[in-house]
Amino acid sequence: MAQKITVAELQLKLDGNKSEELMYGFAAGDRVILTMKANGASLGEVSVLQYPEVLKYKGQNIDEEKREFTVTAKGVYVFRFNNTARGKRSLAITLQRVPKDGTTKNFNTGVKWASVPDTTWTVVGRDIVKGYDSLRVQKTRKVVASEQKYEEIVIDKSQRVNAKTSFSDTRTFVDFDLPVNMVTKEESKKVVAWAYWVGVGEESNEFWKQNRKMIVGAVQGATTYFTTPLGGIAAGALTNLMMPVNGEDVEYGLTNAQGKNLFIQQKPYQPFDNGKGVAAYKRFTDAKMQQGKFYVVMANDNLVQPIDVNVKVSAIIEHIKYKDERYTDYEVKPRYEKMMAKEAQITLVKTPVTFDYK
């Protein structure tokens, strides 16, 4: 005959209208024996449940009683004692288990709390693709209506640079702003290239006139968008201009506001371009150099002769106008049908488990 193992021996005391719960774990196949005896008046109600709410036994007005049941699956059992009277009640309880075989003889009947996955199912409606429809749709898009490039003269200025014996500043500058880019839905204007020229005195002016005559002859009968030799350099249509080799020279540089201030203070600075000569020019196409304010700085090292320096800047503007164009596009749209489906929702719930739960 299998051995009875005592799980608990208790003297339970309950105040009026109070209840108490005890929880123990049992192995599958255990035969559970619950023996109860009231000390005095009977206890109002006793129930045994397989957690959470599967009723195994319920008794009322307990004086002396013995109940047995067999555990079908390992789990936690709740023993609930309820005093329905106003006065105090006392109950002697003995709880025993008879293991099914030797493999569960040493089963730990303790209970602990653990976070256990709890799955609930909800019915949700989902749109399922049942097919596709091809539709012809009239749309509007922006296309280029016209595109042209032209030269814009930014500055054409003569600047005097004093000699050393004049007791005035021998360093000066000319500043200029490149045309501001403009972009709207209807049109855009952008600086795509520019060039600058510095030339000293009448010698450089004479060579400038010769260069102008040269481009007039070169572009006769041809479509062009520049009107000056510097515009031709900026556009990339000209690669060289005739330059004077004799005459007074100037130290020059192209820089920003910080560089200009350092130059005037005769301190080292970082120019975008610099040199020394009777005349010079430079083209810029880098996108980072197509907007903003720039400074042409100049210095005269002649002791007695002041110089007049002509500064020219020309920019090439790309002007694009847009128009609306209607066209037919094909769109593929799915057809949906509502389908009902079960969807699992898993949450962690604090629940009592047998002591060997992992």
Protein backbone atom coordinates (compact mmCIF):
# COMPACT_ATOMS: atom_id res chain seq x y z
CA MET A 1 0.00 0.00 0.00
CA ALA A 2 1.34 3.48 -0.96
CA GLN A 3 2.63 5.68 1.85
CA LYS A 4 0.65 8.73 2.97
CA ILE A 5 2.73 11.92 3.08
CA THR A 6 1.56 14.74 5.29
CA VAL A 7 1.49 18.06 3.47
CA ALA A 8 0.10 20.21 6.31
CA GLU A 9 -1.35 19.95 9.84
CA LEU A 10 -2.98 23.22 10.89
CA GLN A 11 -5.17 24.72 13.56
CA LEU A 12 -7.09 27.34 11.56
CA LYS A 13 -8.71 30.20 13.50
CA LEU A 14 -11.05 32.61 11.72
CA ASP A 15 -12.74 35.75 13.00
CA GLY A 16 -16.38 36.36 12.16
CA ASN A 17 -17.19 36.83 8.46
CA LYS A 18 -13.54 36.23 7.50
CA SER A 19 -11.99 33.74 5.10
CA GLU A 20 -8.53 32.31 4.41
CA GLU A 21 -6.91 30.56 1.47
CA LEU A 22 -4.11 28.01 1.37
CA MET A 23 -2.34 26.96 -1.81
CA TYR A 24 -0.34 23.78 -2.44
CA GLY A 25 1.06 22.08 -5.51
CA PHE A 26 0.39 18.42 -6.36
CA ALA A 27 1.84 16.01 -8.88
CA ALA A 28 -0.23 14.21 -11.51
CA GLY A 29 -1.73 11.02 -10.05
CA ASP A 30 -1.57 12.20 -6.42
CA ARG A 31 -4.47 11.13 -4.22
CA VAL A 32 -5.23 14.09 -1.96
CA ILE A 33 -6.82 13.49 1.46
CA LEU A 34 -8.35 16.43 3.33
CA THR A 35 -9.42 15.77 6.97
CA MET A 36 -11.25 18.51 8.90
CA LYS A 37 -12.62 18.73 12.45
CA ALA A 38 -14.25 21.79 14.00
CA ASN A 39 -13.20 22.81 17.50
CA GLY A 40 -16.62 23.86 18.74
CA ALA A 41 -19.21 25.27 16.33
CA SER A 42 -19.14 24.20 12.67
CA LEU A 43 -17.37 26.20 9.96
CA GLY A 44 -19.70 27.76 7.40
CA GLU A 45 -18.05 26.74 4.09
CA VAL A 46 -15.01 24.92 2.70
CA SER A 47 -14.13 24.63 -1.01
CA VAL A 48 -11.23 23.14 -2.96
CA LEU A 49 -10.38 24.48 -6.45
CA GLN A 50 -7.83 23.62 -9.08
CA TYR A 51 -6.30 27.04 -9.81
CA PRO A 52 -7.81 29.27 -10.90
CA GLU A 53 -11.51 28.32 -10.62
CA VAL A 54 -12.08 24.59 -11.33
CA LEU A 55 -14.18 23.38 -8.37
CA LYS A 56 -13.17 20.00 -6.91
CA TYR A 57 -15.10 20.06 -3.65
CA LYS A 58 -17.48 22.31 -1.75
CA GLY A 59 -18.89 21.64 1.72
CA GLN A 60 -21.00 23.62 4.19
CA ASN A 61 -21.42 23.62 7.97
CA ILE A 62 -18.33 21.51 8.49
CA ASP A 63 -18.13 19.68 11.84
CA GLU A 64 -15.98 16.67 10.99
CA GLU A 65 -15.32 15.55 7.45
CA LYS A 66 -12.85 13.66 5.29
CA ARG A 67 -12.58 14.20 1.53
CA GLU A 68 -10.39 12.61 -1.14
CA PHE A 69 -9.77 13.41 -4.81
CA THR A 70 -7.23 12.41 -7.44
CA VAL A 71 -5.06 14.95 -9.27
CA THR A 72 -5.32 14.44 -13.04
CA ALA A 73 -2.63 16.98 -14.01
CA LYS A 74 0.15 18.62 -12.05
CA GLY A 75 -0.95 21.99 -10.75
CA VAL A 76 -1.80 24.35 -7.90
CA TYR A 77 -4.83 23.75 -5.69
CA VAL A 78 -6.60 26.36 -3.56
CA PHE A 79 -8.15 25.42 -0.22
CA ARG A 80 -10.63 28.13 0.78
CA PHE A 81 -12.09 28.33 4.31
CA ASN A 82 -14.94 30.78 4.90
CA ASN A 83 -16.44 31.68 8.28
CA THR A 84 -19.98 32.86 7.52
CA ALA A 85 -20.88 33.38 11.19
CA ARG A 86 -20.32 36.44 13.36
CA GLY A 87 -18.41 34.57 16.02
CA LYS A 88 -14.93 33.09 15.83
CA ARG A 89 -14.43 29.56 14.49
CA SER A 90 -11.58 27.06 14.80
CA LEU A 91 -10.86 24.11 12.53
CA ALA A 92 -8.21 21.37 12.72
CA ILE A 93 -6.93 20.50 9.24
CA THR A 94 -4.78 17.63 8.04
CA LEU A 95 -3.76 17.56 4.36
CA GLN A 96 -2.06 14.44 2.96
CA ARG A 97 -1.00 13.13 -0.43
CA VAL A 98 -0.51 9.58 -1.66
CA PRO A 99 1.90 9.59 -4.68
CA LYS A 100 0.97 7.55 -7.72
CA ASP A 101 4.41 5.89 -7.71
CA GLY A 102 7.95 6.38 -6.47
CA THR A 103 8.85 8.96 -9.14
CA THR A 104 6.82 11.69 -7.40
CA LYS A 105 7.43 10.64 -3.80
CA ASN A 106 9.68 13.66 -3.14
CA PHE A 107 7.52 16.15 -5.05
CA ASN A 108 7.76 19.65 -3.47
CA THR A 109 4.23 20.86 -2.68
CA GLY A 110 5.37 24.46 -2.19
CA VAL A 111 3.92 27.21 -4.43
CA LYS A 112 5.68 30.24 -5.90
CA TRP A 113 4.62 33.17 -8.05
CA ALA A 114 5.91 33.48 -11.59
CA SER A 115 5.28 35.54 -14.75
CA VAL A 116 3.53 33.11 -17.07
CA PRO A 117 2.59 33.80 -20.73
CA ASP A 118 -1.17 34.15 -21.07
CA THR A 119 -2.73 33.92 -24.53
CA THR A 120 -6.05 35.56 -25.37
CA TRP A 121 -7.70 35.39 -28.77
CA THR A 122 -9.56 38.26 -30.38
CA VAL A 123 -11.48 38.29 -33.64
CA VAL A 124 -10.24 41.02 -35.97
CA GLY A 125 -11.21 42.08 -39.46
CA ARG A 126 -8.48 42.18 -42.08
CA ASP A 127 -8.44 43.45 -45.63
CA ILE A 128 -7.32 40.63 -47.93
CA VAL A 129 -6.21 41.34 -51.52
CA LYS A 130 -8.56 39.48 -53.87
CA GLY A 131 -7.32 40.93 -57.18
CA TYR A 132 -5.99 43.98 -59.03
CA ASP A 133 -7.49 46.64 -61.30
CA SER A 134 -5.54 48.58 -63.94
CA LEU A 135 -6.72 52.19 -64.26
CA ARG A 136 -5.89 54.94 -66.75
CA VAL A 137 -5.40 58.18 -64.85
CA GLN A 138 -4.97 61.68 -66.26
CA LYS A 139 -2.18 63.54 -64.48
CA THR A 140 -0.27 66.80 -64.80
CA ARG A 141 3.49 67.28 -64.57
CA LYS A 142 5.92 70.17 -64.95
CA VAL A 143 8.10 70.12 -68.07
CA VAL A 144 10.62 72.60 -69.47
CA ALA A 145 8.95 75.21 -71.65
CA SER A 146 12.10 77.20 -72.41
CA GLU A 147 15.71 77.23 -71.35
CA GLN A 148 18.32 79.89 -71.93
CA LYS A 149 21.62 81.12 -70.57
CA TYR A 150 22.75 84.69 -70.52
CA GLU A 151 25.52 86.87 -69.14
CA GLU A 152 24.80 89.26 -66.30
CA ILE A 153 27.42 91.93 -65.58
CA VAL A 154 27.74 92.00 -61.79
CA ILE A 155 30.28 94.81 -61.42
CA ASP A 156 32.49 96.99 -63.63
CA LYS A 157 34.36 99.43 -61.40
CA SER A 158 37.64 101.34 -61.33
CA GLN A 159 39.34 101.45 -57.92
CA ARG A 160 42.31 103.70 -57.05
CA VAL A 161 45.08 102.14 -54.93
CA ASN A 162 47.40 104.71 -53.31
CA ALA A 163 51.21 104.76 -53.52
CA LYS A 164 53.37 104.25 -50.43
CA THR A 165 54.48 107.90 -50.25
CA SER A 166 50.90 109.22 -50.26
CA PHE A 167 50.58 108.59 -46.52
CA SER A 168 47.23 106.89 -47.26
CA ASP A 169 46.24 103.22 -47.27
CA THR A 170 48.02 101.25 -49.99
CA ARG A 171 45.59 98.37 -49.52
CA THR A 172 41.93 98.43 -50.51
CA PHE A 173 39.14 96.22 -51.81
CA VAL A 174 36.05 96.01 -54.01
CA ASP A 175 33.15 93.86 -52.87
CA PHE A 176 30.31 92.33 -54.90
CA ASP A 177 27.34 89.99 -54.49
CA LEU A 178 26.57 87.30 -57.04
CA PRO A 179 22.95 87.25 -58.32
CA VAL A 180 20.67 85.39 -55.91
CA ASN A 181 19.29 82.07 -57.15
CA MET A 182 15.50 81.95 -57.55
CA VAL A 183 13.41 78.77 -57.79
CA THR A 184 9.59 78.62 -58.06
CA LYS A 185 7.11 76.18 -59.55
CA GLU A 186 7.00 78.25 -62.71
CA GLU A 187 10.67 79.08 -63.30
CA SER A 188 14.21 79.01 -61.94
CA LYS A 189 17.23 81.28 -62.26
CA LYS A 190 20.61 79.99 -61.11
CA VAL A 191 24.22 81.13 -61.37
CA VAL A 192 26.07 78.28 -63.10
CA ALA A 193 29.49 79.97 -63.61
CA TRP A 194 31.22 83.31 -63.22
CA ALA A 195 34.56 85.02 -63.78
CA TYR A 196 36.40 88.10 -62.59
CA TRP A 197 39.03 90.39 -64.15
CA VAL A 198 41.53 92.79 -62.61
CA GLY A 199 43.51 95.14 -64.83
CA VAL A 200 45.77 98.15 -64.11
CA GLY A 201 45.53 101.44 -65.98
CA GLU A 202 45.13 102.21 -69.68
CA GLU A 203 47.35 99.29 -70.69
CA SER A 204 44.82 96.74 -69.49
CA ASN A 205 41.91 98.79 -70.86
CA GLU A 206 43.44 98.70 -74.36
CA PHE A 207 43.80 94.92 -74.23
CA TRP A 208 40.22 94.65 -72.98
CA LYS A 209 39.05 96.55 -76.07
CA GLN A 210 41.05 94.24 -78.35
CA ASN A 211 39.49 91.19 -76.65
CA ARG A 212 36.02 92.66 -77.17
CA LYS A 213 36.71 93.12 -80.91
CA MET A 214 37.93 89.54 -81.06
CA ILE A 215 34.74 88.04 -79.63
CA VAL A 216 32.53 90.21 -81.87
CA GLY A 217 34.19 88.67 -84.92
CA ALA A 218 34.20 85.17 -83.45
CA VAL A 219 30.48 85.01 -82.68
CA GLN A 220 29.05 86.71 -85.77
CA GLY A 221 26.23 84.56 -87.13
CA ALA A 222 26.44 82.19 -84.19
CA THR A 223 23.99 81.80 -81.32
CA THR A 224 25.65 83.02 -78.16
CA TYR A 225 24.63 84.13 -74.70
CA PHE A 226 27.61 86.27 -73.63
CA THR A 227 28.37 89.85 -74.62
CA THR A 228 31.80 90.52 -73.08
CA PRO A 229 35.20 88.77 -73.17
CA LEU A 230 34.76 87.93 -69.46
CA GLY A 231 31.33 86.43 -70.22
CA GLY A 232 33.00 84.20 -72.82
CA ILE A 233 35.50 83.02 -70.18
CA ALA A 234 32.70 82.41 -67.65
CA ALA A 235 30.65 80.47 -70.22
CA GLY A 236 33.65 78.32 -71.15
CA ALA A 237 33.42 79.43 -74.78
CA LEU A 238 36.80 81.21 -74.52
CA THR A 239 39.86 79.73 -72.87
CA ASN A 240 42.33 82.61 -73.29
CA LEU A 241 42.31 86.38 -73.48
CA MET A 242 45.05 88.71 -74.77
CA MET A 243 46.92 90.13 -71.77
CA PRO A 244 49.30 93.10 -71.35
CA VAL A 245 52.86 92.36 -70.25
CA ASN A 246 54.06 95.92 -69.69
CA GLY A 247 52.75 98.49 -67.23
CA GLU A 248 52.19 99.00 -63.53
CA ASP A 249 51.23 95.88 -61.65
CA VAL A 250 48.96 95.17 -58.67
CA GLU A 251 48.96 92.56 -55.93
CA TYR A 252 45.40 91.12 -55.93
CA GLY A 253 43.34 88.37 -54.35
CA LEU A 254 39.78 87.05 -54.27
CA THR A 255 38.58 86.20 -50.78
CA ASN A 256 35.76 86.33 -48.22
CA ALA A 257 35.05 88.91 -45.48
CA GLN A 258 37.48 87.36 -43.00
CA GLY A 259 40.24 87.16 -45.60
CA LYS A 260 39.62 90.77 -46.63
CA ASN A 261 40.07 91.98 -43.05
CA LEU A 262 43.30 90.02 -42.64
CA PHE A 263 44.65 91.33 -45.97
CA ILE A 264 43.94 94.96 -45.03
CA GLN A 265 45.78 94.33 -41.72
CA GLN A 266 48.72 92.86 -43.71
CA LYS A 267 48.22 89.46 -42.12
CA PRO A 268 48.26 86.04 -43.83
CA TYR A 269 44.89 85.09 -45.34
CA GLN A 270 43.32 82.27 -47.40
CA PRO A 271 42.35 83.48 -50.91
CA PHE A 272 40.25 81.67 -53.50
CA ASP A 273 42.64 83.12 -56.09
CA ASN A 274 45.55 85.57 -55.95
CA GLY A 275 48.55 86.86 -57.83
CA LYS A 276 50.46 89.94 -59.03
CA GLY A 277 50.44 91.45 -62.51
CA VAL A 278 49.19 94.06 -64.93
CA ALA A 279 45.98 92.06 -65.57
CA ALA A 280 44.49 88.70 -64.65
CA TYR A 281 41.22 86.73 -64.79
CA LYS A 282 39.74 83.56 -63.31
CA ARG A 283 36.67 81.38 -63.93
CA PHE A 284 34.66 79.61 -61.18
CA THR A 285 32.25 76.69 -61.73
CA ASP A 286 32.29 75.01 -58.30
CA ALA A 287 28.71 74.83 -56.98
CA LYS A 288 29.88 76.03 -53.55
CA MET A 289 31.17 79.26 -55.14
CA GLN A 290 28.00 80.26 -57.02
CA GLN A 291 26.33 82.31 -54.28
CA GLY A 292 27.30 84.94 -51.75
CA LYS A 293 29.49 88.02 -51.24
CA PHE A 294 33.14 88.13 -52.37
CA TYR A 295 35.97 90.65 -52.07
CA VAL A 296 38.69 91.59 -54.56
CA VAL A 297 41.58 92.86 -52.42
CA MET A 298 44.40 94.97 -53.91
CA ALA A 299 47.76 96.35 -52.78
CA ASN A 300 50.14 98.83 -54.48
CA ASP A 301 53.89 98.48 -53.78
CA ASN A 302 54.86 101.52 -55.95
CA LEU A 303 56.51 104.27 -53.93
CA VAL A 304 55.16 107.30 -55.79
CA GLN A 305 52.72 106.12 -58.47
CA PRO A 306 49.08 105.44 -57.50
CA ILE A 307 47.29 102.96 -59.74
CA ASP A 308 43.72 102.66 -61.03
CA VAL A 309 42.54 99.04 -61.08
CA ASN A 310 39.52 98.02 -63.11
CA VAL A 311 37.51 95.19 -61.52
CA LYS A 312 34.96 93.34 -63.64
CA VAL A 313 32.71 90.40 -62.70
CA SER A 314 30.35 88.58 -65.07
CA ALA A 315 28.02 85.70 -64.17
CA ILE A 316 26.29 83.17 -66.43
CA ILE A 317 22.63 82.74 -65.48
CA GLU A 318 20.63 79.64 -66.42
CA HIS A 319 16.97 80.60 -66.79
CA ILE A 320 14.42 77.78 -67.13
CA LYS A 321 10.66 78.25 -67.49
CA TYR A 322 8.23 75.40 -66.84
CA LYS A 323 4.75 74.58 -68.11
CA ASP A 324 2.06 72.06 -67.19
CA GLU A 325 1.80 68.97 -69.38
CA ARG A 326 -1.06 66.50 -69.18
CA TYR A 327 -0.31 62.82 -69.63
CA THR A 328 -1.93 59.45 -69.11
CA ASP A 329 -0.57 57.20 -66.41
CA TYR A 330 -1.50 53.65 -65.54
CA GLU A 331 -2.12 52.74 -61.93
CA VAL A 332 -2.57 49.26 -60.53
CA LYS A 333 -4.88 49.25 -57.52
CA PRO A 334 -5.58 46.20 -55.38
CA ARG A 335 -9.13 45.04 -54.63
CA TYR A 336 -9.73 44.15 -50.99
CA GLU A 337 -12.22 41.93 -49.21
CA LYS A 338 -12.83 42.00 -45.47
CA MET A 339 -11.95 38.71 -43.76
CA MET A 340 -12.41 37.84 -40.11
CA ALA A 341 -9.51 36.12 -38.35
CA LYS A 342 -8.40 35.20 -34.86
CA GLU A 343 -5.40 37.06 -33.51
CA ALA A 344 -3.38 35.94 -30.51
CA GLN A 345 -2.34 38.42 -27.84
CA ILE A 346 0.26 37.18 -25.38
CA THR A 347 0.83 38.92 -22.05
CA LEU A 348 2.81 37.98 -18.96
CA VAL A 349 0.59 37.35 -15.93
CA LYS A 350 1.69 36.85 -12.33
CA THR A 351 0.26 33.47 -11.31
CA PRO A 352 0.94 30.78 -8.67
CA VAL A 353 2.87 27.75 -9.99
CA THR A 354 4.27 24.55 -8.57
CA PHE A 355 7.70 24.87 -7.00
CA ASP A 356 9.45 22.99 -9.86
CA TYR A 357 8.20 25.46 -12.51
CA LYS A 358 11.01 26.86 -14.69
